Amino acid sequence: MENKAIARTLRLLSQLMELHNENPFKIKSIANAAFKVDKLPFAIRDKSLEEIGQVDGLGKSISAKVWELLQTGTMAELEDILKETPEGIVEMLGIKGIGPKKIVVIWKDLGIENIGELYYACNENRLIEAKGFGLKTQEEIKKVIEFKMAAHGKFLYAQAEGMVNKLHADLSVWLNTVSPQSLLGIAGAYRRCVEIIEEIELIIGTDDPDRIMEQISTFEPLQFEEFTDNTFTALSPFGLKIKLQLANRSEFYLSWFKLTGNEEHVSEVLSLAGTGTFESEEEIYQKAGLSFVAPELREGLNEVQLAKENKLPILITDSDLKGSLHNHSTWSDGVHTLEEMALYCKDHLQLEYFGICDHSKSAFYANGLNEQRVYAQHREIEALNAKLAPFKIFKGIESDILYDGSLDYSDEILKTFDFVVASVHSNLRMDEEKATARLIKAIENPFTTILGHPTGRLLLSRKGYPIDYAKVIDACAANKVVIEINANPLRLDLDWRWHRYALEKGVLLSVNPDAHRTEGFHDTHYGVLVGRKGGLTAKQCLNAFSLAEITTVFEDRSANH
């Protein structure tokens, strides 16, 4: 074992001891020993126990720990303290800019136990109110976590989007100079709007491949290195793998089609279309006797059968949305005031309505509203509605689903809201049976309007709690409860793979940004993309309803209480 590895282990022990509020003198001694070992001019593994004890700064107790580490590969004291510490908390110790004191606040005060939850908390602006944190620290932590995510080679679609758009624009300019008649397309999982991106596939259709190969080194944004099977590969500065395939210009659309859809979709369509030269992707589908299938749907599910029967859905678009539901303000853990959020929807986004859903009283970590503050917020909403009419602010709440499936307000309070988003934020380690029963009880509550982020997942960092999707969706259908597509790029929950089932059961979906600041409203874009993957149409999306239509929906539910 090298000195640096020994030093790292001692440093970890001192940090964990600080997390658990152990003897400060002992913590300081072990941290000092870690520093000393790291700077030693000789390999400590070559020394005897007695010689290690003579090293400055170690002493009898710490030298015994080092000896134990050298002999066994670990230390009993370290193993004991690791058992008492969530794995995600240990991982946080590796984040630059937050030491044990800040991690204690994150863990004990905010209830955050892994890096994914911490990143989400940064996005929700939850850290700046915590002791010892500020906006600058929050942004620095967020950047470090994004860098760590990128190091694993996987990116959220939203993280990749800006890089891909710039890469495509830069390649277009370069290609126009090098080979002006060439064609360029983005393909692969990115074009299908898959939520996790591991590589970007692009294709160039050219009559002069030799020219492209000669000049590719002049494309400065990337250094394309390998060239095999007509494909260049490169790694972007952000760590995203890039593949650039060359094809004959006459074969561009066929090759683009093949690189876009998954294997099942491509195989099924080409078995109908046959071979040949195609002037567009539309022509491929025409020759197959199919309606054109949007890239988002090319997942080898039932889209080809629907295309045969001319029954493909008219997919929702950003412009179909008429309002924004499930948003937060400074009343709980948002950045902007209620009025600022409403005005942004009205004036900047040109929407007809805005639904405020600040956190409920159980969400103490997010400054959730007690009954008195609910009343005060409702008075502000009424005043703003008089001022902003005909634009409408709906009185909503994100009510926590408690351990037993009940909501955290009495019926007397719940009936004062225009709509209620019921969400799980705690006790995420239930088994599937209990988690499913918990959600179904909340769904059966007559005041629940929308089921929020159904599985609680955080992409790339936390799996959602296990649920029986079919039972949950069936319960929503039976109780006329809408299911949220939480558009935050970290959530995108309900998963698009279950949208079709929900829609077939007659369940409405709602593309909700869960915005905690005005910029957050733009996340609806990502919710729309996964809604499209799931076959969502405007008429099946709650917040694509007009103000008059959604008012009727809320009033009808209220009348049934």
Protein backbone atom coordinates (compact mmCIF):
# COMPACT_ATOMS: atom_id res chain seq x y z
CA MET A 1 0.00 0.00 0.00
CA GLU A 2 1.41 3.37 -1.07
CA ASN A 3 1.76 6.30 1.33
CA LYS A 4 -0.94 8.25 -0.49
CA ALA A 5 -3.45 5.43 -0.08
CA ILE A 6 -2.67 5.22 3.65
CA ALA A 7 -3.01 9.01 3.95
CA ARG A 8 -6.37 8.94 2.13
CA THR A 9 -7.68 6.26 4.49
CA LEU A 10 -6.62 8.22 7.58
CA ARG A 11 -8.13 11.39 6.13
CA LEU A 12 -11.42 9.57 5.47
CA LEU A 13 -11.46 8.29 9.05
CA SER A 14 -10.93 11.80 10.43
CA GLN A 15 -13.70 13.19 8.19
CA LEU A 16 -16.16 10.50 9.20
CA MET A 17 -15.35 11.05 12.86
CA GLU A 18 -16.09 14.74 12.38
CA LEU A 19 -19.40 13.87 10.71
CA HIS A 20 -20.33 11.83 13.77
CA ASN A 21 -19.20 14.54 16.20
CA GLU A 22 -16.45 12.51 17.89
CA ASN A 23 -13.58 13.81 20.04
CA PRO A 24 -12.13 16.93 18.29
CA PHE A 25 -8.61 16.26 19.61
CA LYS A 26 -8.62 12.72 18.22
CA ILE A 27 -9.97 13.98 14.88
CA LYS A 28 -7.22 16.57 14.63
CA SER A 29 -4.53 14.01 15.50
CA ILE A 30 -5.66 11.59 12.76
CA ALA A 31 -5.99 14.39 10.18
CA ASN A 32 -2.50 15.59 11.06
CA ALA A 33 -1.17 12.03 10.75
CA ALA A 34 -2.71 11.78 7.26
CA PHE A 35 -0.85 14.92 6.23
CA LYS A 36 2.45 13.65 7.69
CA VAL A 37 2.20 10.23 6.00
CA ASP A 38 1.47 11.83 2.65
CA LYS A 39 4.70 13.87 2.87
CA LEU A 40 7.06 11.10 4.06
CA PRO A 41 10.20 10.65 1.91
CA PHE A 42 10.10 6.84 2.36
CA ALA A 43 7.57 4.04 1.92
CA ILE A 44 5.93 3.39 5.27
CA ARG A 45 4.94 -0.13 4.20
CA ASP A 46 8.62 -1.14 4.47
CA LYS A 47 8.78 -0.24 8.17
CA SER A 48 8.05 -2.32 11.26
CA LEU A 49 5.35 -1.44 13.78
CA GLU A 50 8.01 -0.05 16.10
CA GLU A 51 9.52 2.10 13.33
CA ILE A 52 6.10 3.41 12.31
CA GLY A 53 5.46 4.43 15.91
CA GLN A 54 8.57 6.61 15.78
CA VAL A 55 7.34 8.61 12.77
CA ASP A 56 6.64 12.20 13.77
CA GLY A 57 2.91 12.81 14.27
CA LEU A 58 1.83 9.16 14.47
CA GLY A 59 2.35 7.91 17.99
CA LYS A 60 1.34 4.59 19.48
CA SER A 61 -2.41 4.71 18.77
CA ILE A 62 -2.30 5.92 15.18
CA SER A 63 0.72 3.77 14.27
CA ALA A 64 -1.32 0.75 15.41
CA LYS A 65 -4.10 1.79 13.01
CA VAL A 66 -1.59 2.16 10.17
CA TRP A 67 -0.11 -1.26 10.97
CA GLU A 68 -3.59 -2.80 11.00
CA LEU A 69 -4.27 -1.20 7.61
CA LEU A 70 -1.04 -2.58 6.16
CA GLN A 71 -1.72 -6.06 7.49
CA THR A 72 -5.44 -6.37 6.73
CA GLY A 73 -6.20 -3.73 4.12
CA THR A 74 -8.63 -1.93 6.42
CA MET A 75 -9.19 -0.67 9.97
CA ALA A 76 -11.88 -1.98 12.31
CA GLU A 77 -12.65 1.53 13.54
CA LEU A 78 -13.15 2.75 9.98
CA GLU A 79 -15.40 -0.20 9.11
CA ASP A 80 -17.55 0.45 12.17
CA ILE A 81 -18.08 4.11 11.36
CA LEU A 82 -18.77 3.33 7.68
CA LYS A 83 -21.64 1.05 8.77
CA GLU A 84 -23.26 4.06 10.45
CA THR A 85 -22.84 6.34 7.43
CA PRO A 86 -24.94 6.22 4.22
CA GLU A 87 -22.83 5.39 1.17
CA GLY A 88 -23.90 8.61 -0.54
CA ILE A 89 -22.66 10.70 2.39
CA VAL A 90 -19.23 9.08 2.13
CA GLU A 91 -19.22 9.89 -1.59
CA MET A 92 -20.01 13.54 -0.80
CA LEU A 93 -16.74 13.82 1.10
CA GLY A 94 -15.02 13.70 -2.29
CA ILE A 95 -16.77 16.85 -3.52
CA LYS A 96 -14.49 19.84 -3.56
CA GLY A 97 -15.88 22.78 -1.60
CA ILE A 98 -17.87 20.95 1.05
CA GLY A 99 -16.19 19.56 4.13
CA PRO A 100 -17.63 17.50 6.99
CA LYS A 101 -19.27 20.51 8.69
CA LYS A 102 -21.33 21.34 5.60
CA ILE A 103 -22.11 17.69 4.95
CA VAL A 104 -23.54 17.38 8.47
CA VAL A 105 -25.96 20.20 7.61
CA ILE A 106 -26.83 18.55 4.27
CA TRP A 107 -27.38 15.18 5.90
CA LYS A 108 -28.93 15.99 9.26
CA ASP A 109 -30.77 19.26 8.56
CA LEU A 110 -31.82 18.81 4.92
CA GLY A 111 -32.26 15.04 4.96
CA ILE A 112 -30.11 14.56 1.83
CA GLU A 113 -28.21 11.27 1.65
CA ASN A 114 -26.62 11.08 -1.80
CA ILE A 115 -25.08 13.23 -4.52
CA GLY A 116 -28.11 12.97 -6.80
CA GLU A 117 -30.38 14.34 -4.10
CA LEU A 118 -27.83 17.08 -3.42
CA TYR A 119 -27.75 18.07 -7.08
CA TYR A 120 -31.54 18.19 -7.16
CA ALA A 121 -31.52 20.34 -4.01
CA CYS A 122 -29.13 22.75 -5.76
CA ASN A 123 -31.54 22.95 -8.69
CA GLU A 124 -34.39 23.63 -6.28
CA ASN A 125 -32.33 26.36 -4.61
CA ARG A 126 -32.64 24.60 -1.28
CA LEU A 127 -29.04 24.96 -0.14
CA ILE A 128 -28.79 28.74 0.05
CA GLU A 129 -31.01 28.95 3.12
CA ALA A 130 -29.01 26.32 5.04
CA LYS A 131 -26.44 27.31 7.64
CA GLY A 132 -23.01 27.94 6.13
CA PHE A 133 -24.18 28.00 2.52
CA GLY A 134 -24.85 30.75 0.01
CA LEU A 135 -25.69 31.11 -3.67
CA LYS A 136 -22.01 31.01 -4.70
CA THR A 137 -21.35 27.81 -2.73
CA GLN A 138 -24.49 26.22 -4.13
CA GLU A 139 -23.47 26.99 -7.73
CA GLU A 140 -19.92 25.69 -7.15
CA ILE A 141 -21.25 22.42 -5.71
CA LYS A 142 -23.62 22.06 -8.67
CA LYS A 143 -20.74 22.48 -11.16
CA VAL A 144 -18.57 19.91 -9.36
CA ILE A 145 -21.41 17.37 -9.36
CA GLU A 146 -22.05 17.95 -13.07
CA PHE A 147 -18.36 17.31 -13.71
CA LYS A 148 -18.53 14.06 -11.71
CA MET A 149 -21.59 12.95 -13.71
CA ALA A 150 -19.78 13.66 -16.96
CA ALA A 151 -16.79 11.62 -15.80
CA HIS A 152 -18.98 8.51 -15.99
CA GLY A 153 -19.70 9.17 -19.68
CA LYS A 154 -23.45 9.52 -19.21
CA PHE A 155 -25.37 12.75 -19.63
CA LEU A 156 -28.90 13.92 -19.08
CA TYR A 157 -30.53 14.85 -22.39
CA ALA A 158 -30.73 18.44 -21.16
CA GLN A 159 -27.00 18.48 -20.38
CA ALA A 160 -26.17 17.18 -23.85
CA GLU A 161 -28.59 19.45 -25.72
CA GLY A 162 -26.50 22.62 -25.67
CA MET A 163 -23.32 20.74 -26.65
CA VAL A 164 -25.08 18.94 -29.51
CA ASN A 165 -26.72 22.07 -30.89
CA LYS A 166 -23.39 23.91 -30.93
CA LEU A 167 -21.57 20.93 -32.43
CA HIS A 168 -24.18 20.64 -35.19
CA ALA A 169 -23.97 24.37 -35.94
CA ASP A 170 -20.16 24.32 -36.02
CA LEU A 171 -20.08 21.24 -38.24
CA SER A 172 -22.60 22.83 -40.62
CA VAL A 173 -20.38 25.90 -41.05
CA TRP A 174 -17.26 23.77 -41.50
CA LEU A 175 -18.98 21.43 -43.94
CA ASN A 176 -20.26 24.33 -46.01
CA THR A 177 -16.65 25.39 -46.52
CA VAL A 178 -15.13 21.94 -47.12
CA SER A 179 -17.90 20.20 -49.08
CA PRO A 180 -20.89 22.53 -49.64
CA GLN A 181 -23.18 19.94 -51.25
CA SER A 182 -22.92 17.53 -48.32
CA LEU A 183 -25.81 16.68 -45.96
CA LEU A 184 -25.58 16.53 -42.16
CA GLY A 185 -27.85 14.89 -39.60
CA ILE A 186 -28.00 14.08 -35.87
CA ALA A 187 -29.01 10.48 -35.24
CA GLY A 188 -29.06 7.84 -32.51
CA ALA A 189 -30.55 8.02 -29.03
CA TYR A 190 -30.25 11.80 -28.97
CA ARG A 191 -32.49 12.21 -32.00
CA ARG A 192 -34.99 9.85 -30.37
CA CYS A 193 -34.89 12.13 -27.28
CA VAL A 194 -33.88 9.36 -24.90
CA GLU A 195 -33.46 10.76 -21.39
CA ILE A 196 -29.89 9.46 -20.83
CA ILE A 197 -27.27 10.04 -23.54
CA GLU A 198 -24.03 8.05 -23.73
CA GLU A 199 -22.85 9.07 -27.20
CA ILE A 200 -23.78 11.42 -30.02
CA GLU A 201 -24.09 9.96 -33.50
CA LEU A 202 -23.88 12.23 -36.54
CA ILE A 203 -23.87 11.41 -40.23
CA ILE A 204 -22.53 13.23 -43.28
CA GLY A 205 -23.78 12.38 -46.76
CA THR A 206 -21.13 13.38 -49.28
CA ASP A 207 -19.99 12.83 -52.87
CA ASP A 208 -16.43 13.61 -51.83
CA PRO A 209 -15.50 11.45 -48.80
CA ASP A 210 -11.77 11.80 -49.53
CA ARG A 211 -12.07 15.58 -49.14
CA ILE A 212 -13.84 15.14 -45.79
CA MET A 213 -11.17 12.73 -44.55
CA GLU A 214 -8.36 15.05 -45.65
CA GLN A 215 -9.86 18.08 -43.94
CA ILE A 216 -11.40 16.58 -40.78
CA SER A 217 -8.32 17.59 -38.75
CA THR A 218 -9.16 21.26 -39.50
CA PHE A 219 -12.40 21.01 -37.53
CA GLU A 220 -11.09 22.73 -34.43
CA PRO A 221 -13.87 22.11 -31.87
CA LEU A 222 -13.04 18.37 -31.83
CA GLN A 223 -10.04 16.18 -32.47
CA PHE A 224 -11.36 13.20 -34.44
CA GLU A 225 -8.88 10.39 -33.94
CA GLU A 226 -9.95 6.96 -35.13
CA PHE A 227 -11.48 6.16 -38.51
CA THR A 228 -12.97 2.69 -38.86
CA ASP A 229 -16.00 1.44 -40.75
CA ASN A 230 -16.51 4.89 -42.30
CA THR A 231 -16.81 6.40 -38.82
CA PHE A 232 -14.69 8.99 -37.02
CA THR A 233 -14.70 9.04 -33.22
CA ALA A 234 -13.83 11.78 -30.76
CA LEU A 235 -14.34 12.79 -27.14
CA SER A 236 -15.78 16.23 -26.52
CA PRO A 237 -14.14 18.50 -23.90
CA PHE A 238 -17.14 17.65 -21.68
CA GLY A 239 -16.46 13.90 -21.89
CA LEU A 240 -19.27 13.07 -24.31
CA LYS A 241 -18.38 10.45 -26.94
CA ILE A 242 -18.93 11.60 -30.54
CA LYS A 243 -19.28 9.34 -33.59
CA LEU A 244 -19.35 10.85 -37.09
CA GLN A 245 -20.24 8.49 -39.92
CA LEU A 246 -19.63 9.15 -43.62
CA ALA A 247 -22.08 7.89 -46.25
CA ASN A 248 -22.54 8.42 -49.96
CA ARG A 249 -24.84 11.38 -50.55
CA SER A 250 -27.29 9.16 -52.46
CA GLU A 251 -27.53 6.85 -49.41
CA PHE A 252 -27.76 9.60 -46.79
CA TYR A 253 -31.45 9.27 -45.89
CA LEU A 254 -31.37 5.50 -45.67
CA SER A 255 -28.23 5.63 -43.49
CA TRP A 256 -29.70 8.41 -41.34
CA PHE A 257 -32.83 6.33 -40.86
CA LYS A 258 -30.80 3.26 -39.88
CA LEU A 259 -28.73 5.23 -37.36
CA THR A 260 -31.80 6.83 -35.78
CA GLY A 261 -34.32 4.11 -34.94
CA ASN A 262 -33.62 1.21 -32.63
CA GLU A 263 -32.87 -2.16 -34.21
CA GLU A 264 -36.44 -3.52 -34.07
CA HIS A 265 -37.96 -0.43 -35.67
CA VAL A 266 -35.40 -0.24 -38.47
CA SER A 267 -35.69 -3.93 -39.27
CA GLU A 268 -39.49 -3.90 -39.34
CA VAL A 269 -39.76 -0.82 -41.57
CA LEU A 270 -37.09 -1.92 -44.05
CA SER A 271 -38.69 -5.37 -44.37
CA LEU A 272 -41.68 -3.47 -45.79
CA ALA A 273 -39.86 -0.71 -47.71
CA GLY A 274 -37.28 -2.88 -49.43
CA THR A 275 -33.96 -1.52 -50.68
CA GLY A 276 -33.05 1.30 -53.02
CA THR A 277 -32.31 4.99 -53.01
CA PHE A 278 -34.53 7.30 -51.02
CA GLU A 279 -34.84 11.06 -51.40
CA SER A 280 -36.09 11.54 -47.83
CA GLU A 281 -37.04 9.60 -44.71
CA GLU A 282 -40.67 10.26 -45.60
CA GLU A 283 -40.15 8.29 -48.80
CA ILE A 284 -38.89 5.28 -46.82
CA TYR A 285 -42.15 5.15 -44.88
CA GLN A 286 -44.22 5.77 -48.02
CA LYS A 287 -42.63 2.80 -49.79
CA ALA A 288 -43.27 0.71 -46.66
CA GLY A 289 -46.94 1.67 -46.83
CA LEU A 290 -46.69 3.50 -43.50
CA SER A 291 -47.46 6.91 -42.08
CA PHE A 292 -44.31 8.86 -41.20
CA VAL A 293 -43.09 7.93 -37.72
CA ALA A 294 -41.51 10.77 -35.72
CA PRO A 295 -37.96 9.97 -34.51
CA GLU A 296 -39.07 10.04 -30.85
CA LEU A 297 -41.40 7.08 -31.46
CA ARG A 298 -38.93 4.79 -33.23
CA GLU A 299 -38.45 2.45 -30.28
CA GLY A 300 -39.73 -0.85 -31.66
CA LEU A 301 -42.95 -0.82 -29.67
CA ASN A 302 -46.30 -0.66 -31.49
CA GLU A 303 -45.55 2.39 -33.63
CA VAL A 304 -45.20 0.44 -36.91
CA GLN A 305 -48.59 -1.20 -36.44
CA LEU A 306 -50.14 2.20 -35.68
CA ALA A 307 -48.43 3.60 -38.79
CA LYS A 308 -49.94 0.77 -40.89
CA GLU A 309 -53.40 1.63 -39.61
CA ASN A 310 -52.84 5.39 -39.94
CA LYS A 311 -53.48 5.71 -36.19
CA LEU A 312 -50.29 7.40 -35.04
CA PRO A 313 -50.99 10.14 -32.47
CA ILE A 314 -50.59 13.80 -33.37
CA LEU A 315 -47.81 14.43 -30.89
CA ILE A 316 -47.93 17.32 -28.47
CA THR A 317 -45.68 20.35 -29.09
CA ASP A 318 -44.39 23.14 -26.85
CA SER A 319 -46.86 25.56 -28.41
CA ASP A 320 -49.82 23.39 -27.33
CA LEU A 321 -49.31 24.24 -23.66
CA LYS A 322 -51.72 26.84 -22.33
CA GLY A 323 -50.57 27.00 -18.73
CA SER A 324 -48.02 25.83 -16.19
CA LEU A 325 -48.97 23.78 -13.11
CA HIS A 326 -46.80 22.64 -10.16
CA ASN A 327 -44.48 25.57 -9.47
CA HIS A 328 -42.88 27.02 -6.35
CA SER A 329 -42.26 30.54 -5.06
CA THR A 330 -40.56 32.29 -2.15
CA TRP A 331 -43.49 31.15 -0.03
CA SER A 332 -41.60 27.84 0.24
CA ASP A 333 -38.23 27.10 -1.40
CA GLY A 334 -38.49 29.06 -4.66
CA VAL A 335 -36.22 31.90 -5.80
CA HIS A 336 -38.85 34.27 -7.20
CA THR A 337 -41.99 35.70 -5.67
CA LEU A 338 -45.47 34.53 -6.51
CA GLU A 339 -46.08 37.67 -8.57
CA GLU A 340 -42.75 37.34 -10.42
CA MET A 341 -43.52 33.73 -11.33
CA ALA A 342 -47.03 34.61 -12.50
CA LEU A 343 -45.90 37.61 -14.56
CA TYR A 344 -43.22 35.51 -16.27
CA CYS A 345 -45.91 33.02 -17.36
CA LYS A 346 -48.25 35.79 -18.46
CA ASP A 347 -45.89 38.22 -20.20
CA HIS A 348 -42.86 36.19 -21.25
CA LEU A 349 -44.42 32.80 -22.00
CA GLN A 350 -47.81 34.15 -23.11
CA LEU A 351 -49.67 31.50 -21.09
CA GLU A 352 -53.27 31.74 -19.92
CA TYR A 353 -52.80 30.49 -16.37
CA PHE A 354 -50.33 29.55 -13.67
CA GLY A 355 -50.66 27.01 -10.87
CA ILE A 356 -48.72 27.63 -7.67
CA CYS A 357 -47.88 24.49 -5.68
CA ASP A 358 -45.59 25.46 -2.84
CA HIS A 359 -44.54 22.74 -0.42
CA SER A 360 -46.88 21.61 2.34
CA LYS A 361 -46.29 21.71 6.06
CA SER A 362 -44.47 18.34 6.34
CA ALA A 363 -41.72 19.68 4.07
CA PHE A 364 -40.03 21.61 6.86
CA TYR A 365 -36.73 21.43 4.95
CA ALA A 366 -38.38 23.44 2.14
CA ASN A 367 -40.16 26.02 4.33
CA GLY A 368 -43.48 24.28 3.76
CA LEU A 369 -46.73 26.17 4.44
CA ASN A 370 -48.62 25.65 7.67
CA GLU A 371 -52.36 26.34 7.73
CA GLN A 372 -51.96 30.02 8.62
CA ARG A 373 -49.53 30.63 5.76
CA VAL A 374 -51.83 28.80 3.33
CA TYR A 375 -54.55 31.30 4.22
CA ALA A 376 -52.14 34.23 3.75
CA GLN A 377 -50.97 32.95 0.37
CA HIS A 378 -54.55 32.56 -0.81
CA ARG A 379 -55.24 36.21 0.04
CA GLU A 380 -52.23 37.24 -2.09
CA ILE A 381 -53.43 35.05 -4.98
CA GLU A 382 -56.88 36.64 -4.88
CA ALA A 383 -55.36 40.13 -4.99
CA LEU A 384 -53.08 39.17 -7.90
CA ASN A 385 -55.95 37.58 -9.82
CA ALA A 386 -57.89 40.85 -9.58
CA LYS A 387 -54.82 42.69 -10.84
CA LEU A 388 -53.77 40.29 -13.66
CA ALA A 389 -57.18 39.22 -15.05
CA PRO A 390 -58.01 37.55 -17.38
CA PHE A 391 -54.77 35.70 -16.56
CA LYS A 392 -55.49 33.28 -13.70
CA ILE A 393 -53.41 31.99 -10.79
CA PHE A 394 -54.79 28.71 -9.49
CA LYS A 395 -54.44 27.92 -5.78
CA GLY A 396 -52.49 24.70 -5.62
CA ILE A 397 -50.30 22.85 -3.14
CA GLU A 398 -47.74 20.07 -3.37
CA SER A 399 -49.04 18.03 -0.47
CA ASP A 400 -46.69 15.43 0.96
CA ILE A 401 -47.87 11.83 0.88
CA LEU A 402 -47.13 10.56 4.37
CA TYR A 403 -45.88 7.10 5.32
CA ASP A 404 -49.39 5.65 5.44
CA GLY A 405 -50.55 7.26 2.18
CA SER A 406 -52.52 10.10 3.77
CA LEU A 407 -51.95 13.75 2.81
CA ASP A 408 -50.55 16.18 5.35
CA TYR A 409 -53.53 18.56 5.67
CA SER A 410 -57.05 18.07 6.94
CA ASP A 411 -59.94 17.95 4.48
CA GLU A 412 -60.94 21.43 5.68
CA ILE A 413 -57.66 22.83 4.37
CA LEU A 414 -57.44 20.64 1.26
CA LYS A 415 -60.84 21.84 0.02
CA THR A 416 -59.58 25.45 -0.09
CA PHE A 417 -57.24 24.62 -3.01
CA ASP A 418 -58.22 24.63 -6.68
CA PHE A 419 -56.05 21.56 -7.18
CA VAL A 420 -53.69 19.34 -5.17
CA VAL A 421 -50.48 17.70 -6.37
CA ALA A 422 -49.78 14.73 -4.09
CA SER A 423 -46.11 13.73 -3.97
CA VAL A 424 -43.78 11.47 -2.01
CA HIS A 425 -40.68 13.17 -0.58
CA SER A 426 -39.77 10.91 2.35
CA ASN A 427 -39.45 7.23 3.32
CA LEU A 428 -38.22 6.24 -0.13
CA ARG A 429 -37.02 2.75 0.85
CA MET A 430 -40.33 0.89 0.95
CA ASP A 431 -40.69 -2.39 -0.90
CA GLU A 432 -42.90 -2.49 -4.01
CA GLU A 433 -46.03 -3.68 -2.22
CA LYS A 434 -45.92 -0.98 0.47
CA ALA A 435 -44.87 1.79 -1.92
CA THR A 436 -47.70 0.88 -4.29
CA ALA A 437 -50.30 0.73 -1.51
CA ARG A 438 -49.10 4.09 -0.21
CA LEU A 439 -49.56 5.76 -3.61
CA ILE A 440 -52.95 4.15 -4.20
CA LYS A 441 -54.25 5.44 -0.87
CA ALA A 442 -53.12 8.96 -1.81
CA ILE A 443 -54.71 8.59 -5.26
CA GLU A 444 -58.00 7.54 -3.64
CA ASN A 445 -58.03 10.70 -1.53
CA PRO A 446 -60.89 12.73 -3.11
CA PHE A 447 -58.80 15.92 -2.94
CA THR A 448 -55.86 14.55 -4.97
CA THR A 449 -55.92 16.09 -8.46
CA ILE A 450 -52.46 15.16 -9.76
CA LEU A 451 -50.00 12.45 -8.71
CA GLY A 452 -46.61 14.18 -8.63
CA HIS A 453 -43.33 12.55 -9.82
CA PRO A 454 -44.71 9.04 -9.19
CA THR A 455 -41.46 7.16 -8.46
CA GLY A 456 -39.27 9.89 -6.97
CA ARG A 457 -36.41 8.95 -9.26
CA LEU A 458 -33.40 11.19 -9.92
CA LEU A 459 -31.78 10.20 -13.19
CA LEU A 460 -28.12 9.12 -13.03
CA SER A 461 -28.19 9.15 -9.25
CA ARG A 462 -31.24 7.62 -7.56
CA LYS A 463 -33.54 4.88 -8.75
CA GLY A 464 -37.18 5.53 -8.15
CA TYR A 465 -38.86 3.56 -5.39
CA PRO A 466 -40.29 0.32 -6.79
CA ILE A 467 -43.97 0.49 -7.66
CA ASP A 468 -46.44 -1.64 -9.58
CA TYR A 469 -46.96 0.83 -12.42
CA ALA A 470 -50.07 -0.88 -13.79
CA LYS A 471 -51.83 -0.86 -10.40
CA VAL A 472 -50.95 2.79 -9.77
CA ILE A 473 -52.12 3.85 -13.23
CA ASP A 474 -55.29 1.79 -12.91
CA ALA A 475 -56.01 3.55 -9.60
CA CYS A 476 -55.53 6.94 -11.27
CA ALA A 477 -57.94 5.91 -14.03
CA ALA A 478 -60.55 4.76 -11.50
CA ASN A 479 -60.26 7.97 -9.44
CA LYS A 480 -59.82 10.39 -12.37
CA VAL A 481 -56.43 11.48 -11.04
CA VAL A 482 -53.99 13.09 -13.49
CA ILE A 483 -50.40 11.79 -13.56
CA GLU A 484 -47.57 14.26 -13.74
CA ILE A 485 -44.74 14.17 -16.24
CA ASN A 486 -42.31 16.04 -14.03
CA ALA A 487 -40.30 17.96 -16.62
CA ASN A 488 -37.26 18.60 -14.45
CA PRO A 489 -34.47 16.97 -16.53
CA LEU A 490 -33.37 15.00 -13.47
CA ARG A 491 -36.81 13.44 -13.02
CA LEU A 492 -38.82 13.05 -16.27
CA ASP A 493 -41.18 11.03 -14.12
CA LEU A 494 -43.66 9.39 -15.09
CA ASP A 495 -41.27 7.39 -17.28
CA TRP A 496 -42.26 7.62 -20.97
CA ARG A 497 -42.33 3.82 -21.21
CA TRP A 498 -45.58 3.89 -19.19
CA HIS A 499 -47.27 6.82 -20.93
CA ARG A 500 -48.98 4.61 -23.51
CA TYR A 501 -50.52 2.42 -20.85
CA ALA A 502 -51.80 5.46 -18.96
CA LEU A 503 -53.22 7.05 -22.09
CA GLU A 504 -54.93 3.80 -23.13
CA LYS A 505 -56.59 3.74 -19.70
CA GLY A 506 -57.91 7.27 -20.27
CA VAL A 507 -55.60 8.93 -17.73
CA LEU A 508 -54.68 12.54 -18.43
CA LEU A 509 -51.02 13.52 -18.12
CA SER A 510 -49.72 16.96 -17.16
CA VAL A 511 -46.33 18.34 -18.22
CA ASN A 512 -45.24 20.12 -15.05
CA PRO A 513 -41.93 22.02 -14.78
CA ASP A 514 -41.75 21.88 -10.95
CA ALA A 515 -40.19 25.32 -11.41
CA HIS A 516 -38.45 26.91 -8.43
CA ARG A 517 -37.39 30.01 -10.40
CA THR A 518 -38.53 31.67 -13.61
CA GLU A 519 -35.88 29.88 -15.66
CA GLY A 520 -37.36 26.57 -14.50
CA PHE A 521 -40.48 27.09 -16.62
CA HIS A 522 -38.40 26.25 -19.68
CA ASP A 523 -37.98 22.67 -18.43
CA THR A 524 -41.44 22.00 -19.86
CA HIS A 525 -39.55 21.56 -23.15
CA TYR A 526 -38.01 18.33 -21.81
CA GLY A 527 -41.34 17.16 -20.44
CA VAL A 528 -42.89 17.68 -23.87
CA LEU A 529 -40.08 15.67 -25.51
CA VAL A 530 -40.62 12.62 -23.27
CA GLY A 531 -44.38 13.10 -23.59
CA ARG A 532 -43.91 12.82 -27.35
CA LYS A 533 -41.90 9.62 -26.83
CA GLY A 534 -44.83 8.25 -24.88
CA GLY A 535 -47.35 9.20 -27.60
CA LEU A 536 -48.91 12.14 -25.74
CA THR A 537 -51.32 14.39 -27.64
CA ALA A 538 -52.53 17.86 -26.67
CA LYS A 539 -56.05 16.65 -25.90
CA GLN A 540 -54.63 14.16 -23.37
CA CYS A 541 -52.48 16.76 -21.58
CA LEU A 542 -54.12 18.70 -18.73
CA ASN A 543 -52.10 21.88 -19.11
CA ALA A 544 -52.80 21.99 -22.85
CA PHE A 545 -56.42 22.72 -21.87
CA SER A 546 -57.57 26.31 -22.24
CA LEU A 547 -58.26 28.41 -19.16
CA ALA A 548 -62.01 27.80 -19.52
CA GLU A 549 -61.52 24.03 -19.97
CA ILE A 550 -59.18 23.55 -17.02
CA THR A 551 -61.37 25.73 -14.81
CA THR A 552 -64.25 23.38 -15.55
CA VAL A 553 -62.07 20.35 -14.70
CA PHE A 554 -61.12 21.81 -11.32
CA GLU A 555 -64.66 22.97 -10.53
CA ASP A 556 -66.15 19.59 -11.40
CA ARG A 557 -63.72 17.82 -9.06
CA SER A 558 -64.45 20.33 -6.32
CA ALA A 559 -68.18 19.78 -6.69
CA ASN A 560 -67.69 16.06 -6.04
CA HIS A 561 -65.93 16.51 -2.68
